[in-house]
Amino acid sequence: MRCSVARNHNNPERVTERHFPSIYSNEASKKQNQVRKCVVCSKRGKRRESRYYCSQCNVGLCVVPCFQIYHTKVDY
């Protein structure tokens, strides 16, 4: 089940539903270790890329601690 609005960081479903980290891979690209920007780190002014993302919310996240922060705090 996907969040009703992908990439909407104010979506309340991201803190109420159960989400799991996945390794990001884009089949269209031939790069092996693909990365995405971590939305929590980016909001805090850090530039950090991660191989992991939340497939339900479609956002890149560091596994520790950003994945938990993003899915438990409304204002991360």
N, C-alpha and C. Protein backbone atom coordinates (compact mmCIF):
# COMPACT_ATOMS: atom_id res chain seq x y z
N MET A 1 0.84 -1.18 0.00
CA MET A 1 0.00 0.00 0.00
C MET A 1 0.89 1.24 0.00
N ARG A 2 0.62 2.16 -0.87
CA ARG A 2 1.40 3.39 -0.97
C ARG A 2 0.71 4.51 -0.19
N CYS A 3 1.54 5.46 0.25
CA CYS A 3 0.95 6.65 0.87
C CYS A 3 0.09 7.32 -0.19
N SER A 4 -0.98 7.95 0.21
CA SER A 4 -1.91 8.52 -0.75
C SER A 4 -1.27 9.59 -1.64
N VAL A 5 -0.31 10.31 -1.12
CA VAL A 5 0.36 11.35 -1.90
C VAL A 5 1.85 11.09 -1.83
N ALA A 6 2.43 10.58 -2.90
CA ALA A 6 3.86 10.28 -2.91
C ALA A 6 4.65 11.57 -2.81
N ARG A 7 5.71 11.51 -2.01
CA ARG A 7 6.62 12.64 -1.80
C ARG A 7 5.99 13.83 -1.09
N ASN A 8 4.84 13.67 -0.50
CA ASN A 8 4.25 14.73 0.32
C ASN A 8 4.73 14.48 1.74
N HIS A 9 5.68 15.28 2.18
CA HIS A 9 6.32 15.05 3.47
C HIS A 9 5.41 15.40 4.64
N ASN A 10 4.28 16.04 4.39
CA ASN A 10 3.33 16.36 5.45
C ASN A 10 2.21 15.34 5.53
N ASN A 11 2.35 14.24 4.83
CA ASN A 11 1.32 13.21 4.79
C ASN A 11 1.26 12.49 6.14
N PRO A 12 0.13 12.55 6.84
CA PRO A 12 0.04 11.91 8.16
C PRO A 12 0.12 10.39 8.12
N GLU A 13 -0.12 9.78 6.96
CA GLU A 13 -0.04 8.32 6.86
C GLU A 13 1.37 7.81 7.09
N ARG A 14 2.38 8.64 6.86
CA ARG A 14 3.75 8.18 7.05
C ARG A 14 4.08 7.92 8.51
N VAL A 15 3.33 8.52 9.45
CA VAL A 15 3.59 8.27 10.87
C VAL A 15 2.58 7.30 11.49
N THR A 16 1.54 6.93 10.77
CA THR A 16 0.54 6.03 11.34
C THR A 16 0.60 4.64 10.75
N GLU A 17 1.07 4.50 9.52
CA GLU A 17 1.16 3.20 8.88
C GLU A 17 2.50 2.54 9.15
N ARG A 18 2.60 1.28 8.79
CA ARG A 18 3.83 0.53 9.00
C ARG A 18 4.61 0.48 7.69
N HIS A 19 5.84 0.99 7.72
CA HIS A 19 6.67 1.06 6.53
C HIS A 19 8.01 0.37 6.79
N PHE A 20 8.64 -0.11 5.72
CA PHE A 20 9.91 -0.82 5.84
C PHE A 20 10.90 -0.28 4.81
N PRO A 21 12.19 -0.25 5.17
CA PRO A 21 13.20 0.23 4.21
C PRO A 21 13.45 -0.79 3.11
N SER A 22 13.76 -0.29 1.93
CA SER A 22 14.11 -1.12 0.78
C SER A 22 15.37 -0.57 0.15
N ILE A 23 16.09 -1.41 -0.57
CA ILE A 23 17.27 -0.94 -1.31
C ILE A 23 16.79 -0.36 -2.62
N TYR A 24 17.28 0.84 -2.93
CA TYR A 24 16.85 1.53 -4.15
C TYR A 24 17.56 0.97 -5.36
N SER A 25 16.80 0.64 -6.38
CA SER A 25 17.37 0.23 -7.67
C SER A 25 16.41 0.66 -8.76
N ASN A 26 16.96 1.29 -9.75
CA ASN A 26 16.18 1.75 -10.88
C ASN A 26 16.54 0.87 -12.07
N GLU A 27 15.61 0.07 -12.51
CA GLU A 27 15.87 -0.89 -13.58
C GLU A 27 16.25 -0.20 -14.89
N ALA A 28 15.81 1.03 -15.10
CA ALA A 28 16.10 1.74 -16.34
C ALA A 28 17.56 2.18 -16.41
N SER A 29 18.18 2.37 -15.27
CA SER A 29 19.56 2.82 -15.22
C SER A 29 20.49 1.62 -15.07
N LYS A 30 21.69 1.73 -15.62
CA LYS A 30 22.63 0.62 -15.56
C LYS A 30 23.64 0.79 -14.42
N LYS A 31 23.50 1.83 -13.61
CA LYS A 31 24.40 2.02 -12.48
C LYS A 31 24.15 0.92 -11.46
N GLN A 32 25.23 0.46 -10.80
CA GLN A 32 25.06 -0.62 -9.83
C GLN A 32 24.60 -0.12 -8.48
N ASN A 33 25.30 0.79 -7.88
CA ASN A 33 24.96 1.29 -6.54
C ASN A 33 24.26 2.63 -6.65
N GLN A 34 22.97 2.59 -6.89
CA GLN A 34 22.21 3.81 -7.06
C GLN A 34 21.82 4.38 -5.71
N VAL A 35 21.76 5.70 -5.65
CA VAL A 35 21.48 6.38 -4.38
C VAL A 35 20.41 7.44 -4.58
N ARG A 36 19.81 7.84 -3.45
CA ARG A 36 18.85 8.94 -3.42
C ARG A 36 19.23 9.84 -2.27
N LYS A 37 18.83 11.10 -2.35
CA LYS A 37 19.06 12.02 -1.25
C LYS A 37 18.17 11.67 -0.07
N CYS A 38 18.74 11.71 1.13
CA CYS A 38 17.95 11.48 2.34
C CYS A 38 17.16 12.75 2.63
N VAL A 39 15.83 12.64 2.73
CA VAL A 39 14.99 13.82 2.93
C VAL A 39 15.16 14.42 4.33
N VAL A 40 15.45 13.59 5.33
CA VAL A 40 15.64 14.10 6.69
C VAL A 40 16.95 14.88 6.77
N CYS A 41 18.03 14.31 6.25
CA CYS A 41 19.32 15.00 6.25
C CYS A 41 19.24 16.30 5.43
N SER A 42 18.56 16.24 4.28
CA SER A 42 18.43 17.43 3.43
C SER A 42 17.70 18.54 4.14
N LYS A 43 16.66 18.20 4.89
CA LYS A 43 15.90 19.22 5.62
C LYS A 43 16.77 19.86 6.71
N ARG A 44 17.72 19.10 7.22
CA ARG A 44 18.62 19.62 8.26
C ARG A 44 19.87 20.29 7.69
N GLY A 45 19.93 20.44 6.38
CA GLY A 45 21.04 21.14 5.74
C GLY A 45 22.26 20.26 5.46
N LYS A 46 22.12 18.96 5.56
CA LYS A 46 23.22 18.04 5.27
C LYS A 46 22.99 17.42 3.90
N ARG A 47 24.07 17.18 3.19
CA ARG A 47 23.95 16.49 1.91
C ARG A 47 24.40 15.06 2.11
N ARG A 48 23.45 14.15 2.21
CA ARG A 48 23.77 12.75 2.42
C ARG A 48 22.92 11.91 1.47
N GLU A 49 23.58 10.97 0.84
CA GLU A 49 22.89 10.07 -0.07
C GLU A 49 22.82 8.69 0.55
N SER A 50 21.77 7.94 0.20
CA SER A 50 21.57 6.63 0.78
C SER A 50 21.10 5.66 -0.30
N ARG A 51 21.47 4.40 -0.15
CA ARG A 51 21.00 3.36 -1.05
C ARG A 51 19.60 2.89 -0.66
N TYR A 52 19.10 3.36 0.48
CA TYR A 52 17.82 2.89 0.99
C TYR A 52 16.74 3.95 0.82
N TYR A 53 15.50 3.48 0.76
CA TYR A 53 14.35 4.38 0.64
C TYR A 53 13.12 3.68 1.18
N CYS A 54 12.07 4.44 1.40
CA CYS A 54 10.78 3.88 1.79
C CYS A 54 9.98 3.70 0.51
N SER A 55 9.69 2.46 0.16
CA SER A 55 8.98 2.22 -1.10
C SER A 55 7.53 2.70 -1.04
N GLN A 56 6.92 2.73 0.15
CA GLN A 56 5.55 3.20 0.27
C GLN A 56 5.46 4.72 0.10
N CYS A 57 6.42 5.45 0.68
CA CYS A 57 6.42 6.92 0.60
C CYS A 57 7.21 7.44 -0.60
N ASN A 58 8.06 6.59 -1.18
CA ASN A 58 8.90 6.94 -2.32
C ASN A 58 9.86 8.09 -2.00
N VAL A 59 10.54 8.00 -0.84
CA VAL A 59 11.54 8.98 -0.46
C VAL A 59 12.82 8.28 -0.02
N GLY A 60 13.96 8.89 -0.34
CA GLY A 60 15.24 8.35 0.10
C GLY A 60 15.46 8.67 1.56
N LEU A 61 15.99 7.69 2.31
CA LEU A 61 16.21 7.86 3.74
C LEU A 61 17.42 7.04 4.18
N CYS A 62 18.24 7.61 5.09
CA CYS A 62 19.28 6.83 5.75
C CYS A 62 18.56 5.82 6.64
N VAL A 63 19.09 4.61 6.72
CA VAL A 63 18.42 3.58 7.52
C VAL A 63 18.42 3.97 8.99
N VAL A 64 19.57 4.39 9.49
CA VAL A 64 19.68 4.79 10.91
C VAL A 64 20.23 6.21 10.94
N PRO A 65 19.64 7.15 11.59
CA PRO A 65 18.38 7.12 12.31
C PRO A 65 17.22 7.71 11.52
N CYS A 66 17.48 8.15 10.31
CA CYS A 66 16.50 8.95 9.56
C CYS A 66 15.21 8.21 9.23
N PHE A 67 15.28 6.92 8.93
CA PHE A 67 14.06 6.17 8.60
C PHE A 67 13.08 6.21 9.77
N GLN A 68 13.59 5.99 10.96
CA GLN A 68 12.73 6.02 12.15
C GLN A 68 12.24 7.43 12.44
N ILE A 69 13.10 8.41 12.32
CA ILE A 69 12.70 9.81 12.57
C ILE A 69 11.58 10.21 11.61
N TYR A 70 11.74 9.92 10.33
CA TYR A 70 10.76 10.31 9.31
C TYR A 70 9.39 9.68 9.57
N HIS A 71 9.38 8.44 10.07
CA HIS A 71 8.12 7.73 10.24
C HIS A 71 7.53 7.81 11.65
N THR A 72 8.17 8.55 12.55
CA THR A 72 7.61 8.68 13.90
C THR A 72 7.35 10.12 14.31
N LYS A 73 8.00 11.09 13.69
CA LYS A 73 7.81 12.49 14.04
C LYS A 73 7.11 13.23 12.93
N VAL A 74 6.08 13.99 13.30
CA VAL A 74 5.36 14.77 12.29
C VAL A 74 6.24 15.87 11.74
N ASP A 75 6.96 16.56 12.61
CA ASP A 75 7.88 17.62 12.20
C ASP A 75 9.30 17.14 12.44
N TYR A 76 9.85 16.47 11.47
CA TYR A 76 11.18 15.89 11.61
C TYR A 76 12.22 16.92 11.35
